[in-house]
Amino acid sequence: MSWELTSDRPIYIQLVEHIKFDIISGRYKPGDKIEPVRELAIKASVNPNTMQKAMAVLEQSGLIYSNRTSGRFITDDEELITALKASIAEAYCRDFITKIRQIGYSNDEIRDNLNNYLI
């Protein structure tokens, strides 16, 4: 996933979301080492301090941990990753259903349309 950052929300939050997506989608596996902050900052075209702030948030959430001499790593806690994945999927579903109801779809119509797309 490319680093598509917008000005409508704080950049560090968008960086956190991007890395979370990389974790739950399998780009990063449990136990994988993450690139250094400066390298990630260059890839995302952001200030290293902003990337450092995102890393701090991810560490506080337990998704990554720091080893002073070796760098940062993705958690080995697969239950935490699975829970995060479920939480994000639920948020996407709630958002979708809210929006589709706003244009007038009933629950039955939503189900029918989803079934058509899943085939």
Protein backbone atom coordinates (compact mmCIF):
# COMPACT_ATOMS: atom_id res chain seq x y z
CA MET A 1 0.00 0.00 0.00
CA SER A 2 1.42 3.38 -0.97
CA TRP A 3 1.76 6.21 1.50
CA GLU A 4 -1.23 8.35 0.47
CA LEU A 5 -1.35 11.02 3.16
CA THR A 6 -3.90 13.81 3.22
CA SER A 7 -4.18 17.10 5.05
CA ASP A 8 -7.58 16.38 6.60
CA ARG A 9 -6.20 14.46 9.61
CA PRO A 10 -2.95 14.45 11.59
CA ILE A 11 -0.17 12.82 9.57
CA TYR A 12 1.08 10.67 12.46
CA ILE A 13 -2.39 9.10 12.81
CA GLN A 14 -2.41 8.28 9.09
CA LEU A 15 1.04 6.71 9.46
CA VAL A 16 -0.21 4.59 12.38
CA GLU A 17 -3.20 3.45 10.31
CA HIS A 18 -0.96 2.63 7.34
CA ILE A 19 1.38 0.49 9.44
CA LYS A 20 -1.56 -1.20 11.19
CA PHE A 21 -2.95 -2.08 7.76
CA ASP A 22 0.45 -3.50 6.76
CA ILE A 23 0.41 -5.65 9.90
CA ILE A 24 -3.13 -7.01 9.57
CA SER A 25 -2.80 -7.59 5.83
CA GLY A 26 0.33 -9.68 6.32
CA ARG A 27 2.89 -7.34 4.76
CA TYR A 28 4.57 -7.48 8.15
CA LYS A 29 4.49 -10.87 9.86
CA PRO A 30 4.60 -11.39 13.63
CA GLY A 31 8.19 -10.98 14.78
CA ASP A 32 9.31 -9.13 11.62
CA LYS A 33 11.76 -6.30 11.99
CA ILE A 34 10.47 -2.91 10.87
CA GLU A 35 12.60 -0.57 8.81
CA PRO A 36 14.34 2.19 10.79
CA VAL A 37 12.39 5.39 11.44
CA ARG A 38 14.46 7.45 9.03
CA GLU A 39 13.99 4.92 6.24
CA LEU A 40 10.23 4.79 6.79
CA ALA A 41 10.08 8.59 6.97
CA ILE A 42 11.81 8.85 3.59
CA LYS A 43 9.43 6.30 2.04
CA ALA A 44 6.42 8.19 3.42
CA SER A 45 7.91 11.63 2.64
CA VAL A 46 7.44 12.83 6.21
CA ASN A 47 9.63 14.29 8.91
CA PRO A 48 11.42 11.60 10.97
CA ASN A 49 9.95 13.15 14.15
CA THR A 50 6.45 12.55 12.79
CA MET A 51 7.29 8.93 12.02
CA GLN A 52 8.83 8.58 15.49
CA LYS A 53 5.56 9.80 17.01
CA ALA A 54 3.65 7.16 15.00
CA MET A 55 6.06 4.47 16.21
CA ALA A 56 5.51 5.57 19.80
CA VAL A 57 1.73 5.19 19.36
CA LEU A 58 2.21 1.72 17.86
CA GLU A 59 4.48 0.73 20.75
CA GLN A 60 1.90 1.96 23.28
CA SER A 61 -0.73 -0.20 21.56
CA GLY A 62 1.53 -3.24 21.82
CA LEU A 63 1.65 -3.84 18.06
CA ILE A 64 5.36 -3.19 17.90
CA TYR A 65 8.12 -3.36 20.44
CA SER A 66 11.58 -1.91 20.61
CA ASN A 67 14.82 -3.74 21.18
CA ARG A 68 17.39 -1.04 21.89
CA THR A 69 20.21 -2.71 20.05
CA SER A 70 18.29 -4.37 17.23
CA GLY A 71 15.47 -1.98 16.27
CA ARG A 72 11.70 -2.36 16.28
CA PHE A 73 9.71 -5.52 15.70
CA ILE A 74 6.11 -6.54 15.10
CA THR A 75 4.50 -8.21 18.10
CA ASP A 76 4.41 -12.00 18.24
CA ASP A 77 0.93 -11.75 19.81
CA GLU A 78 -1.19 -13.12 16.97
CA GLU A 79 -4.36 -12.74 19.07
CA LEU A 80 -3.73 -9.00 19.29
CA ILE A 81 -3.26 -8.81 15.52
CA THR A 82 -6.42 -10.88 14.90
CA ALA A 83 -8.41 -8.66 17.28
CA LEU A 84 -7.16 -5.54 15.51
CA LYS A 85 -8.09 -7.03 12.13
CA ALA A 86 -11.61 -7.83 13.39
CA SER A 87 -11.99 -4.36 14.86
CA ILE A 88 -10.97 -2.65 11.63
CA ALA A 89 -13.22 -4.92 9.57
CA GLU A 90 -16.15 -4.10 11.89
CA ALA A 91 -15.50 -0.38 11.49
CA TYR A 92 -15.40 -0.73 7.68
CA CYS A 93 -18.68 -2.69 7.75
CA ARG A 94 -20.41 -0.19 10.03
CA ASP A 95 -19.25 2.69 7.83
CA PHE A 96 -20.41 0.92 4.67
CA ILE A 97 -23.82 0.05 6.12
CA THR A 98 -24.34 3.59 7.40
CA LYS A 99 -23.53 5.07 3.99
CA ILE A 100 -25.57 2.56 1.99
CA ARG A 101 -28.59 3.12 4.27
CA GLN A 102 -28.26 6.86 3.69
CA ILE A 103 -28.94 6.30 -0.01
CA GLY A 104 -32.04 4.32 0.80
CA TYR A 105 -31.09 0.64 0.81
CA SER A 106 -32.91 -1.74 3.14
CA ASN A 107 -31.15 -4.56 4.99
CA ASP A 108 -32.46 -7.08 2.45
CA GLU A 109 -31.17 -4.98 -0.45
CA ILE A 110 -27.80 -4.63 1.25
CA ARG A 111 -27.58 -8.42 1.72
CA ASP A 112 -28.65 -9.10 -1.88
CA ASN A 113 -26.09 -6.69 -3.28
CA LEU A 114 -23.31 -8.02 -1.08
CA ASN A 115 -24.11 -11.57 -2.13
CA ASN A 116 -23.89 -10.52 -5.79
CA TYR A 117 -20.42 -9.03 -5.22
CA LEU A 118 -19.16 -12.00 -3.25
CA ILE A 119 -19.85 -14.46 -6.05
